[in-house]
N, C-alpha and C. Protein backbone atom coordinates (compact mmCIF):
# COMPACT_ATOMS: atom_id res chain seq x y z
N MET A 1 25.01 -1.76 2.52
CA MET A 1 24.23 -0.70 3.00
C MET A 1 22.93 -0.98 3.13
N PRO A 2 21.88 -0.16 3.81
CA PRO A 2 20.51 -0.14 4.18
C PRO A 2 19.95 0.93 3.48
N LEU A 3 19.00 0.51 3.04
CA LEU A 3 17.78 1.49 2.62
C LEU A 3 17.00 2.04 3.72
N LEU A 4 16.80 3.07 3.88
CA LEU A 4 15.85 3.62 5.07
C LEU A 4 14.85 4.39 4.49
N LEU A 5 13.59 3.53 4.46
CA LEU A 5 12.33 4.11 3.64
C LEU A 5 11.40 4.67 4.73
N ILE A 6 11.04 5.82 4.27
CA ILE A 6 10.56 6.86 5.34
C ILE A 6 9.25 7.43 4.81
N ARG A 7 8.38 7.34 5.46
CA ARG A 7 7.31 8.30 5.23
C ARG A 7 7.27 9.82 5.91
N HIS A 8 6.60 11.05 4.97
CA HIS A 8 6.80 12.07 5.26
C HIS A 8 6.00 12.32 6.65
N GLY A 9 6.54 13.54 7.24
CA GLY A 9 5.71 14.26 8.27
C GLY A 9 4.29 14.53 8.00
N GLU A 10 3.36 14.58 9.54
CA GLU A 10 1.80 14.74 9.01
C GLU A 10 1.90 15.90 8.37
N THR A 11 0.19 15.84 8.02
CA THR A 11 -0.42 17.29 6.82
C THR A 11 -1.34 17.91 7.51
N PRO A 12 -2.00 18.55 7.92
CA PRO A 12 -3.17 18.78 7.70
C PRO A 12 -4.59 18.03 7.75
N LEU A 13 -4.13 17.58 6.67
CA LEU A 13 -5.51 16.72 5.67
C LEU A 13 -4.94 15.30 5.88
N ASN A 14 -3.91 14.70 6.25
CA ASN A 14 -3.76 13.17 7.11
C ASN A 14 -4.88 13.31 7.97
N VAL A 15 -4.77 14.40 9.13
CA VAL A 15 -5.49 14.23 10.17
C VAL A 15 -6.76 14.80 9.92
N ALA A 16 -7.30 15.45 8.89
CA ALA A 16 -8.54 15.37 8.47
C ALA A 16 -9.36 14.31 7.74
N ARG A 17 -8.41 13.25 7.21
CA ARG A 17 -8.98 12.35 6.72
C ARG A 17 -8.89 12.55 5.12
N VAL A 18 -8.54 13.65 4.68
CA VAL A 18 -8.86 13.93 3.19
C VAL A 18 -8.10 13.39 2.62
N LEU A 19 -8.47 12.90 1.07
CA LEU A 19 -7.15 12.87 0.26
C LEU A 19 -6.46 14.28 -0.79
N GLN A 20 -5.35 13.96 -0.81
CA GLN A 20 -4.59 15.19 -0.43
C GLN A 20 -4.41 15.84 -2.08
N PRO A 21 -4.65 16.58 -2.09
CA PRO A 21 -3.81 17.28 -3.60
C PRO A 21 -2.45 17.41 -3.36
N ALA A 22 -1.59 17.33 -4.47
CA ALA A 22 -0.12 17.30 -4.71
C ALA A 22 0.61 18.26 -3.88
N ASP A 23 -0.06 19.61 -4.04
CA ASP A 23 0.44 20.94 -3.31
C ASP A 23 0.39 20.53 -1.94
N THR A 24 -0.24 19.65 -1.01
CA THR A 24 -0.52 19.83 0.43
C THR A 24 1.02 20.13 1.04
N PRO A 25 0.82 20.84 2.18
CA PRO A 25 2.30 20.94 3.10
C PRO A 25 2.34 20.10 4.21
N LEU A 26 3.41 20.18 5.03
CA LEU A 26 3.64 19.77 6.46
C LEU A 26 2.59 20.22 7.41
N SER A 27 2.03 19.92 8.40
CA SER A 27 1.32 20.69 9.56
C SER A 27 2.63 21.19 10.29
N PRO A 28 2.38 22.01 10.93
CA PRO A 28 3.42 22.36 12.01
C PRO A 28 3.92 21.17 12.98
N ARG A 29 2.95 20.39 13.57
CA ARG A 29 3.35 19.36 14.20
C ARG A 29 3.90 18.12 12.99
N GLY A 30 3.34 18.05 11.96
CA GLY A 30 4.62 17.46 10.99
C GLY A 30 5.85 17.83 10.43
N ILE A 31 6.25 19.22 11.09
CA ILE A 31 7.65 19.92 10.72
C ILE A 31 8.50 19.19 11.94
N GLU A 32 7.81 19.42 13.27
CA GLU A 32 8.04 18.83 14.44
C GLU A 32 8.75 17.23 14.16
N GLN A 33 8.03 16.57 13.58
CA GLN A 33 7.88 15.43 13.34
C GLN A 33 9.22 14.99 12.62
N ALA A 34 9.34 15.70 11.52
CA ALA A 34 10.16 15.69 10.83
C ALA A 34 11.48 16.29 11.46
N GLN A 35 11.81 17.12 12.05
CA GLN A 35 12.87 17.49 13.01
C GLN A 35 13.53 16.53 13.61
N ALA A 36 12.32 15.73 14.76
CA ALA A 36 12.85 14.64 15.48
C ALA A 36 13.33 13.48 14.59
N LEU A 37 12.62 13.11 13.60
CA LEU A 37 13.51 12.25 12.74
C LEU A 37 15.02 12.55 11.93
N ALA A 38 14.92 13.79 12.01
CA ALA A 38 16.34 14.19 11.30
C ALA A 38 17.56 14.34 12.13
N ARG A 39 16.95 14.31 13.72
CA ARG A 39 17.67 14.35 14.97
C ARG A 39 18.28 13.00 14.91
N ARG A 40 17.24 12.01 14.72
CA ARG A 40 17.59 10.57 14.96
C ARG A 40 18.40 10.31 13.93
N LEU A 41 18.47 10.23 12.67
CA LEU A 41 19.03 9.93 11.45
C LEU A 41 20.34 10.68 11.14
N ALA A 42 20.50 11.66 12.29
CA ALA A 42 22.09 12.86 12.25
C ALA A 42 23.10 11.53 12.98
N GLY A 43 22.60 10.62 13.77
CA GLY A 43 23.36 9.90 14.23
C GLY A 43 23.80 8.84 13.85
N MET A 44 23.49 8.66 12.81
CA MET A 44 23.19 7.22 11.62
C MET A 44 24.08 7.92 10.27
N GLN A 45 24.98 7.15 9.50
CA GLN A 45 25.60 7.23 8.23
C GLN A 45 24.72 7.39 7.10
N VAL A 46 24.10 8.63 7.23
CA VAL A 46 23.23 8.96 5.95
C VAL A 46 24.18 9.20 4.59
N ALA A 47 24.28 8.56 3.63
CA ALA A 47 25.01 8.65 2.55
C ALA A 47 24.47 9.40 1.11
N ALA A 48 23.14 9.45 1.16
CA ALA A 48 22.40 9.98 0.07
C ALA A 48 21.08 10.07 0.63
N ILE A 49 20.09 10.95 -0.16
CA ILE A 49 19.09 10.73 -0.03
C ILE A 49 18.00 11.01 -1.20
N VAL A 50 17.08 10.41 -1.22
CA VAL A 50 16.06 10.30 -2.47
C VAL A 50 15.01 10.61 -1.88
N SER A 51 14.25 11.50 -2.77
CA SER A 51 12.80 11.79 -2.41
C SER A 51 11.79 12.11 -3.24
N SER A 52 10.51 11.88 -2.80
CA SER A 52 9.22 12.51 -3.89
C SER A 52 9.47 13.64 -3.68
N ASP A 53 8.84 14.32 -5.15
CA ASP A 53 8.98 15.61 -5.52
C ASP A 53 7.70 16.12 -4.80
N LEU A 54 6.74 15.68 -4.17
CA LEU A 54 5.47 16.25 -3.52
C LEU A 54 6.17 16.87 -2.34
N PRO A 55 5.48 18.43 -1.86
CA PRO A 55 6.03 19.30 -1.04
C PRO A 55 6.26 18.46 0.27
N ARG A 56 4.89 17.67 0.64
CA ARG A 56 5.14 17.09 2.11
C ARG A 56 6.24 16.14 2.27
N ALA A 57 6.64 15.17 1.17
CA ALA A 57 7.96 14.38 1.40
C ALA A 57 9.04 15.45 1.02
N HIS A 58 8.98 16.26 0.04
CA HIS A 58 10.60 17.09 -0.10
C HIS A 58 10.61 17.99 1.39
N HIS A 59 9.96 18.62 1.74
CA HIS A 59 10.01 19.35 3.18
C HIS A 59 10.75 18.37 4.14
N THR A 60 10.01 17.08 4.08
CA THR A 60 10.90 16.06 5.46
C THR A 60 12.14 15.84 5.06
N ALA A 61 12.26 15.94 3.51
CA ALA A 61 13.84 15.31 3.02
C ALA A 61 14.84 16.68 3.31
N GLU A 62 14.19 17.53 3.04
CA GLU A 62 15.01 18.70 3.32
C GLU A 62 15.56 18.73 4.86
N LEU A 63 14.65 18.70 5.79
CA LEU A 63 15.21 18.66 7.29
C LEU A 63 16.06 17.59 7.31
N ILE A 64 16.10 16.67 6.67
CA ILE A 64 16.84 15.33 6.93
C ILE A 64 18.32 15.77 6.22
N ALA A 65 18.19 16.35 5.26
CA ALA A 65 19.29 16.93 4.38
C ALA A 65 20.22 17.73 5.39
N ALA A 66 19.58 18.97 5.91
CA ALA A 66 19.94 19.79 6.74
C ALA A 66 21.08 19.18 8.06
N ALA A 67 20.37 17.95 8.39
CA ALA A 67 20.87 17.65 9.79
C ALA A 67 21.75 16.43 9.27
N SER A 68 22.07 16.06 7.93
CA SER A 68 22.85 14.81 7.75
C SER A 68 23.95 15.88 7.10
N GLY A 69 23.46 16.85 6.13
CA GLY A 69 24.68 17.07 5.58
C GLY A 69 25.13 16.52 4.20
N VAL A 70 23.69 15.97 3.66
CA VAL A 70 23.87 15.21 2.26
C VAL A 70 22.79 16.15 1.35
N PRO A 71 23.17 16.03 -0.09
CA PRO A 71 22.00 16.77 -0.69
C PRO A 71 20.54 15.74 -1.29
N ILE A 72 20.09 16.31 -1.52
CA ILE A 72 18.32 15.50 -2.17
C ILE A 72 18.55 15.11 -3.48
N GLU A 73 18.28 14.05 -3.82
CA GLU A 73 17.92 13.95 -5.30
C GLU A 73 16.12 13.67 -5.24
N ILE A 74 15.75 14.06 -6.42
CA ILE A 74 14.03 13.82 -6.41
C ILE A 74 13.66 13.31 -7.63
N SER A 75 12.79 12.15 -7.06
CA SER A 75 11.97 11.27 -8.21
C SER A 75 10.92 11.21 -8.15
N ALA A 76 9.88 11.68 -9.23
CA ALA A 76 8.34 11.74 -9.24
C ALA A 76 8.01 10.32 -9.31
N LEU A 77 8.84 9.25 -9.36
CA LEU A 77 8.37 7.93 -9.29
C LEU A 77 7.81 7.97 -7.59
N LEU A 78 8.63 8.18 -6.72
CA LEU A 78 8.42 7.97 -5.42
C LEU A 78 7.22 8.97 -4.91
N ARG A 79 6.00 9.28 -5.81
CA ARG A 79 4.87 10.16 -5.45
C ARG A 79 3.60 9.21 -4.89
N GLU A 80 3.11 9.70 -3.96
CA GLU A 80 1.81 8.95 -3.64
C GLU A 80 1.06 8.52 -4.78
N ARG A 81 0.32 7.59 -4.77
CA ARG A 81 -1.03 7.24 -5.49
C ARG A 81 -1.63 8.16 -5.84
N ASN A 82 -2.08 8.45 -7.70
CA ASN A 82 -2.54 10.02 -7.79
C ASN A 82 -4.22 9.42 -7.69
N PHE A 83 -4.80 10.22 -6.82
CA PHE A 83 -6.62 9.53 -6.96
C PHE A 83 -7.19 10.90 -7.84
N GLY A 84 -6.64 11.58 -8.71
CA GLY A 84 -7.14 12.50 -9.66
C GLY A 84 -8.03 13.31 -8.95
N ASP A 85 -9.39 13.34 -9.50
CA ASP A 85 -10.40 14.35 -9.17
C ASP A 85 -10.93 14.14 -7.78
N TRP A 86 -10.75 12.71 -6.88
CA TRP A 86 -11.08 13.01 -5.93
C TRP A 86 -9.96 13.78 -4.70
N ARG A 87 -9.05 13.56 -5.22
CA ARG A 87 -8.12 14.69 -4.01
C ARG A 87 -8.88 15.99 -3.73
N GLY A 88 -8.83 16.13 -2.55
CA GLY A 88 -9.59 17.68 -1.76
C GLY A 88 -10.94 16.80 -1.09
N LEU A 89 -11.19 15.56 -1.31
CA LEU A 89 -12.57 14.97 -0.96
C LEU A 89 -12.36 13.89 0.28
N ALA A 90 -13.14 14.42 1.22
CA ALA A 90 -13.20 13.42 2.35
C ALA A 90 -13.39 12.11 2.48
N TYR A 91 -12.20 11.14 2.71
CA TYR A 91 -11.83 9.69 2.32
C TYR A 91 -13.53 9.18 3.15
N ASP A 92 -13.88 9.66 4.28
CA ASP A 92 -15.43 8.68 5.10
C ASP A 92 -16.30 8.87 3.93
N THR A 93 -16.52 10.22 2.87
CA THR A 93 -17.60 10.40 2.37
C THR A 93 -17.79 9.48 1.14
N LEU A 94 -16.63 8.97 0.82
CA LEU A 94 -16.57 8.43 -0.53
C LEU A 94 -17.25 6.73 -0.62
N PRO A 95 -17.68 6.94 -1.97
CA PRO A 95 -18.66 5.24 -1.73
C PRO A 95 -17.50 3.98 -1.91
N VAL A 96 -16.54 3.96 -2.05
CA VAL A 96 -15.71 3.00 -2.00
C VAL A 96 -14.48 3.37 -1.52
N ASN A 97 -13.84 2.44 -0.64
CA ASN A 97 -12.46 3.00 0.08
C ASN A 97 -11.41 3.15 -1.17
N PRO A 98 -11.01 4.33 -1.37
CA PRO A 98 -9.82 4.51 -2.42
C PRO A 98 -8.76 3.85 -2.45
N LEU A 99 -8.48 3.61 -1.09
CA LEU A 99 -6.88 3.12 -0.61
C LEU A 99 -6.90 1.75 -1.18
N LEU A 100 -7.91 1.01 -1.19
CA LEU A 100 -7.64 -0.15 -1.36
C LEU A 100 -8.89 -0.83 -3.14
N MET A 101 -9.10 0.08 -3.59
CA MET A 101 -9.82 -0.04 -4.87
C MET A 101 -8.66 -0.26 -6.00
N GLY A 102 -9.21 -1.19 -6.74
CA GLY A 102 -8.52 -1.59 -8.00
C GLY A 102 -8.48 -0.40 -9.02
N ASP A 103 -9.76 -0.28 -9.55
CA ASP A 103 -9.90 0.77 -10.66
C ASP A 103 -9.38 2.17 -10.20
N ALA A 104 -9.04 2.73 -11.65
CA ALA A 104 -8.67 4.00 -11.36
C ALA A 104 -10.08 5.30 -10.87
N PRO A 105 -9.53 6.08 -10.16
CA PRO A 105 -10.59 6.87 -9.94
C PRO A 105 -10.70 7.81 -11.25
N PRO A 106 -11.44 9.06 -11.09
CA PRO A 106 -11.37 10.01 -12.32
C PRO A 106 -10.04 10.50 -12.32
N GLY A 107 -9.52 10.52 -13.58
CA GLY A 107 -7.99 11.22 -13.71
C GLY A 107 -7.17 10.56 -12.96
N GLY A 108 -6.95 9.57 -12.35
CA GLY A 108 -6.16 9.26 -11.53
C GLY A 108 -5.71 7.70 -11.85
N GLU A 109 -5.06 7.15 -10.80
CA GLU A 109 -4.41 5.94 -11.62
C GLU A 109 -4.92 4.72 -10.58
N SER A 110 -4.98 3.45 -11.96
CA SER A 110 -5.47 2.38 -10.89
C SER A 110 -4.55 1.72 -9.89
N THR A 111 -4.83 0.67 -9.38
CA THR A 111 -3.89 -0.05 -8.48
C THR A 111 -2.68 -0.41 -9.11
N ALA A 112 -2.95 -1.36 -10.51
CA ALA A 112 -2.13 -1.86 -11.42
C ALA A 112 -0.98 -0.95 -11.91
N VAL A 113 -1.59 0.32 -12.45
CA VAL A 113 -0.51 1.49 -12.46
C VAL A 113 0.40 2.09 -11.51
N PHE A 114 -0.21 2.07 -10.53
CA PHE A 114 0.43 2.51 -9.27
C PHE A 114 1.61 1.50 -8.87
N GLU A 115 1.22 0.45 -8.78
CA GLU A 115 1.74 -0.69 -8.38
C GLU A 115 3.25 -0.90 -9.72
N ALA A 116 2.85 -0.76 -10.85
CA ALA A 116 3.93 -0.82 -11.74
C ALA A 116 4.65 0.49 -11.58
N ARG A 117 4.39 1.58 -11.21
CA ARG A 117 5.37 2.78 -10.82
C ARG A 117 6.10 2.47 -9.50
N VAL A 118 5.60 1.81 -8.61
CA VAL A 118 6.33 1.35 -7.21
C VAL A 118 7.62 0.71 -7.76
N ALA A 119 7.04 -0.53 -8.68
CA ALA A 119 8.12 -1.44 -8.92
C ALA A 119 9.21 -0.54 -9.61
N GLN A 120 8.98 0.57 -10.55
CA GLN A 120 10.53 1.16 -10.82
C GLN A 120 11.00 1.96 -9.93
N ALA A 121 9.90 2.43 -9.03
CA ALA A 121 10.70 3.41 -8.13
C ALA A 121 11.77 2.69 -6.96
N PHE A 122 11.07 1.16 -6.69
CA PHE A 122 12.09 0.51 -6.10
C PHE A 122 13.21 0.15 -6.78
N ALA A 123 13.22 -0.31 -8.19
CA ALA A 123 14.37 -0.64 -8.30
C ALA A 123 15.20 0.46 -8.88
N LEU A 124 14.74 2.00 -8.96
CA LEU A 124 15.75 2.82 -9.08
C LEU A 124 16.47 3.25 -7.58
N VAL A 125 15.86 3.27 -6.49
CA VAL A 125 16.37 3.26 -5.19
C VAL A 125 17.49 2.23 -4.94
N VAL A 126 17.19 0.79 -5.50
CA VAL A 126 18.46 -0.46 -5.41
C VAL A 126 19.53 0.15 -5.99
N ARG A 127 19.26 0.50 -7.30
CA ARG A 127 20.49 0.73 -7.98
C ARG A 127 21.10 1.99 -7.66
N ARG A 128 20.58 2.94 -7.02
CA ARG A 128 20.93 4.37 -6.35
C ARG A 128 22.20 3.81 -4.99
N ALA A 129 21.35 3.11 -4.24
CA ALA A 129 22.17 2.19 -2.92
C ALA A 129 23.48 1.66 -3.48
N SER A 130 23.34 0.66 -4.56
CA SER A 130 24.33 0.23 -5.08
C SER A 130 25.47 0.82 -5.27
N ARG A 131 25.50 2.25 -5.48
CA ARG A 131 26.38 3.03 -6.11
C ARG A 131 27.06 3.51 -4.71
N LEU A 132 26.46 3.45 -3.74
CA LEU A 132 27.26 4.11 -2.53
C LEU A 132 28.30 3.20 -2.14
N ALA A 133 29.59 3.57 -1.71
CA ALA A 133 30.52 3.14 -1.11
C ALA A 133 30.23 2.44 0.31
N SER A 134 29.49 3.19 1.08
CA SER A 134 29.03 2.93 2.54
C SER A 134 27.90 3.88 3.17
N GLY A 135 27.43 3.51 4.00
CA GLY A 135 26.43 4.49 4.60
C GLY A 135 25.19 4.03 4.10
N ALA A 136 23.82 4.67 4.26
CA ALA A 136 22.67 4.15 4.22
C ALA A 136 21.89 5.20 3.18
N LEU A 137 20.85 4.81 2.21
CA LEU A 137 20.20 5.64 1.58
C LEU A 137 18.65 6.07 2.08
N VAL A 138 18.74 7.00 2.33
CA VAL A 138 17.40 7.60 2.67
C VAL A 138 16.50 7.86 1.64
N VAL A 139 15.28 7.27 1.87
CA VAL A 139 14.08 7.19 1.00
C VAL A 139 13.06 7.72 1.39
N VAL A 140 12.57 8.87 0.92
CA VAL A 140 11.31 9.86 1.79
C VAL A 140 10.05 9.94 0.61
N SER A 141 9.12 9.04 1.16
CA SER A 141 8.29 8.87 0.09
C SER A 141 6.74 9.06 1.16
N HIS A 142 6.01 8.21 0.36
CA HIS A 142 4.42 8.43 1.15
C HIS A 142 4.00 6.86 1.49
N GLY A 143 2.81 6.85 2.19
CA GLY A 143 2.32 5.68 2.83
C GLY A 143 1.79 4.35 2.26
N LEU A 144 1.40 4.84 1.21
CA LEU A 144 0.91 3.53 0.01
C LEU A 144 1.75 3.03 -0.69
N VAL A 145 2.86 4.12 -0.66
CA VAL A 145 4.11 3.68 -1.68
C VAL A 145 4.93 2.75 -0.65
N LEU A 146 5.16 2.96 0.46
CA LEU A 146 5.93 2.53 1.17
C LEU A 146 4.80 0.77 1.54
N ARG A 147 3.63 0.66 1.96
CA ARG A 147 3.11 -0.40 1.82
C ARG A 147 3.04 -1.30 0.47
N ALA A 148 2.88 -0.67 -0.47
CA ALA A 148 3.61 -1.37 -1.96
C ALA A 148 4.67 -1.95 -1.76
N MET A 149 6.07 -1.30 -1.30
CA MET A 149 7.18 -1.66 -1.36
C MET A 149 7.01 -3.18 -0.46
N LEU A 150 6.43 -2.67 0.84
CA LEU A 150 6.86 -3.97 1.93
C LEU A 150 6.00 -5.25 1.49
N GLY A 151 4.97 -4.78 0.82
CA GLY A 151 4.15 -6.15 0.50
C GLY A 151 4.42 -6.84 -0.74
N THR A 152 5.45 -6.12 -1.64
CA THR A 152 5.61 -6.93 -3.01
C THR A 152 7.19 -7.08 -3.04
N HIS A 153 7.77 -6.09 -2.48
CA HIS A 153 9.41 -6.21 -3.28
C HIS A 153 10.53 -6.36 -1.78
N ILE A 154 9.93 -6.82 -0.71
CA ILE A 154 11.00 -6.51 0.39
C ILE A 154 10.37 -7.82 1.39
N ALA A 155 11.43 -8.33 1.77
CA ALA A 155 10.82 -9.76 2.87
C ALA A 155 10.94 -9.37 4.13
N LEU A 156 9.66 -9.77 4.57
CA LEU A 156 9.30 -9.12 6.10
C LEU A 156 9.86 -10.30 7.04
N PRO A 157 9.98 -9.98 8.23
CA PRO A 157 10.49 -11.04 9.33
C PRO A 157 9.40 -11.73 9.54
N ASP A 158 9.54 -13.19 10.05
CA ASP A 158 8.47 -14.09 10.37
C ASP A 158 7.62 -13.25 11.29
N GLY A 159 6.17 -13.44 11.25
CA GLY A 159 5.56 -12.61 12.04
C GLY A 159 4.98 -11.39 11.86
N ILE A 160 6.03 -10.75 10.95
CA ILE A 160 5.43 -9.42 10.70
C ILE A 160 4.77 -9.18 9.32
N ALA A 161 3.49 -8.24 9.73
CA ALA A 161 2.72 -8.34 8.23
C ALA A 161 2.98 -6.69 7.87
N VAL A 162 2.42 -6.55 6.53
CA VAL A 162 2.87 -5.40 6.14
C VAL A 162 1.61 -4.08 7.19
N PRO A 163 2.06 -3.15 7.74
CA PRO A 163 1.24 -2.37 8.41
C PRO A 163 0.10 -1.80 7.90
N ALA A 164 -1.29 -1.88 8.46
CA ALA A 164 -2.48 -1.12 7.96
C ALA A 164 -2.48 0.36 7.80
N HIS A 165 -1.29 0.68 8.90
CA HIS A 165 -1.02 2.26 9.01
C HIS A 165 0.20 2.26 9.17
N MET A 166 0.67 3.11 8.36
CA MET A 166 2.18 3.56 8.09
C MET A 166 1.93 4.92 9.17
N GLY A 167 3.23 5.23 9.89
CA GLY A 167 3.18 6.46 10.88
C GLY A 167 3.59 7.17 10.03
N ASN A 168 3.31 8.38 10.67
CA ASN A 168 4.01 9.78 9.84
C ASN A 168 5.44 9.42 10.24
N THR A 169 6.34 9.86 9.58
CA THR A 169 8.17 10.02 9.52
C THR A 169 8.24 8.36 10.17
N CYS A 170 7.61 7.34 9.98
CA CYS A 170 7.98 6.13 10.17
C CYS A 170 9.31 5.77 9.41
N VAL A 171 10.08 4.71 10.11
CA VAL A 171 11.41 4.27 9.74
C VAL A 171 11.02 2.87 9.55
N ASN A 172 11.65 2.57 8.15
CA ASN A 172 11.81 0.89 7.56
C ASN A 172 13.24 0.85 7.16
N VAL A 173 13.85 -0.11 7.94
CA VAL A 173 14.94 -0.29 7.46
C VAL A 173 15.19 -1.93 6.46
N VAL A 174 15.55 -1.71 5.50
CA VAL A 174 15.77 -2.93 4.28
C VAL A 174 17.11 -3.15 3.85
N ASP A 175 17.51 -4.17 3.80
CA ASP A 175 18.65 -4.19 3.26
C ASP A 175 18.54 -4.06 1.53
N ALA A 176 19.61 -3.56 1.14
CA ALA A 176 19.53 -3.13 0.00
C ALA A 176 20.01 -4.38 -1.13
N GLN A 177 20.34 -5.15 -0.69
CA GLN A 177 20.60 -6.80 -1.44
C GLN A 177 19.41 -7.39 -1.38
N PRO A 178 19.12 -7.95 -2.63
CA PRO A 178 18.53 -9.00 -2.65
C PRO A 178 18.45 -10.26 -1.47
N PRO A 179 17.31 -10.59 -0.51
CA PRO A 179 16.14 -10.82 -0.88
C PRO A 179 15.35 -9.24 -0.45
N HIS A 180 16.35 -8.08 0.01
CA HIS A 180 16.17 -6.92 0.50
C HIS A 180 15.05 -7.61 1.82
N THR A 181 15.82 -8.08 2.96
CA THR A 181 15.06 -7.91 4.15
C THR A 181 14.93 -6.84 5.00
N ALA A 182 13.81 -7.07 5.57
CA ALA A 182 13.70 -6.06 6.48
C ALA A 182 14.05 -6.09 7.70
N SER A 183 14.58 -5.25 8.57
CA SER A 183 15.35 -5.40 9.88
C SER A 183 14.40 -4.43 10.92
N LEU A 184 13.71 -3.40 10.37
CA LEU A 184 12.94 -2.56 11.11
C LEU A 184 11.71 -1.97 10.63
N VAL A 185 10.27 -2.24 11.16
CA VAL A 185 9.22 -1.68 10.02
C VAL A 185 8.61 -0.73 10.71
N ASN A 186 8.05 0.22 10.47
CA ASN A 186 6.88 1.22 10.70
C ASN A 186 7.55 1.90 12.32
N CYS A 187 8.81 2.20 12.18
CA CYS A 187 9.52 2.71 13.52
C CYS A 187 9.25 4.03 13.73
N THR A 188 8.72 4.68 14.63
CA THR A 188 8.44 6.00 15.25
C THR A 188 8.99 6.53 16.45
N ARG A 189 10.03 5.57 16.82
CA ARG A 189 10.34 5.80 18.30
C ARG A 189 11.24 7.34 18.43
N HIS A 190 11.35 7.93 17.76
CA HIS A 190 12.04 9.15 17.48
C HIS A 190 10.93 10.29 17.75
N LEU A 191 9.38 9.76 17.99
CA LEU A 191 8.40 10.70 18.23
C LEU A 191 8.55 10.80 19.87
N ASP A 192 8.18 11.91 20.64
CA ASP A 192 7.68 12.14 22.06
C ASP A 192 6.03 11.93 22.00
N PRO A 193 5.03 12.24 23.32
CA PRO A 193 4.21 12.17 23.12
C PRO A 193 3.25 13.06 22.49
N ALA A 194 3.96 14.64 22.45
CA ALA A 194 3.85 15.60 21.90
C ALA A 194 3.66 15.80 20.52
N THR A 195 4.00 14.79 19.49
CA THR A 195 4.33 14.63 18.37
C THR A 195 4.10 13.30 17.73
N ASP A 196 3.38 12.64 18.46
CA ASP A 196 3.27 11.09 18.35
C ASP A 196 2.32 11.30 17.29
N ASP A 197 2.48 9.88 16.26
CA ASP A 197 1.49 9.49 15.43
C ASP A 197 0.39 9.68 15.70
N ASP A 198 -0.48 10.09 15.01
CA ASP A 198 -2.04 10.12 15.14
C ASP A 198 -2.97 8.71 14.64
N PRO A 199 -2.93 7.94 15.29
CA PRO A 199 -3.56 6.50 14.62
C PRO A 199 -4.83 6.54 13.58
N ARG A 200 -5.28 7.77 13.81
CA ARG A 200 -6.83 7.86 13.23
C ARG A 200 -6.30 8.64 11.91
N ALA A 201 -5.24 8.93 11.82
CA ALA A 201 -5.27 9.98 10.49
C ALA A 201 -5.11 8.73 9.32
N LEU A 202 -5.35 9.45 8.25
CA LEU A 202 -4.73 8.81 7.15
C LEU A 202 -3.60 8.20 7.08
N SER A 203 -3.07 7.36 6.43
CA SER A 203 -2.07 6.76 5.98
C SER A 203 -1.35 6.84 4.61
N GLY A 204 -2.50 7.18 3.85
CA GLY A 204 -2.33 7.21 2.31
C GLY A 204 -3.14 8.31 1.52
N GLY A 205 -2.94 8.60 0.45
CA GLY A 205 -3.86 9.33 0.07
C GLY A 205 -3.33 10.68 -0.15
């Protein structure tokens, strides 16, 4: 059975290129994106949903659950990287690129701490998928989490690199069995021109 690794819908701060506080909600466009995603997944055999507990991911998961008729399980391991005191600040005004820095911002997570948590999160969803008799496990998380999973824990097809920009509500289809090969990466074909992902928006943070 596959893992469907999904990024949450758009938020106002994604578009404004601001590092997001934990309570950042979806924008109206982000809700429309998540509804389009839910319609796409309703045509698939969704057996279970695991989501980050941050509101932007959880709301996305709720819309998928409403269309698929399955409950949501929550895991804080799937949260976005914690940028501490830098949350709420404009990305382009910071002295370093926070999405690439190794050190921890004040009150936040270092790359090493974040990647260790992502490893725990990936192990969690693989274990959860192994308990399913059939169907897909939907995992709703965040841009940097998905990039870390794709870069370290997932075998990408030849010629495919980890995307620099993970689209809002993108779908990544990954085999739950080792070596966890991806058959689809960063797909947003469920979005129409009115709701399409904005490539200028932040795809993490």
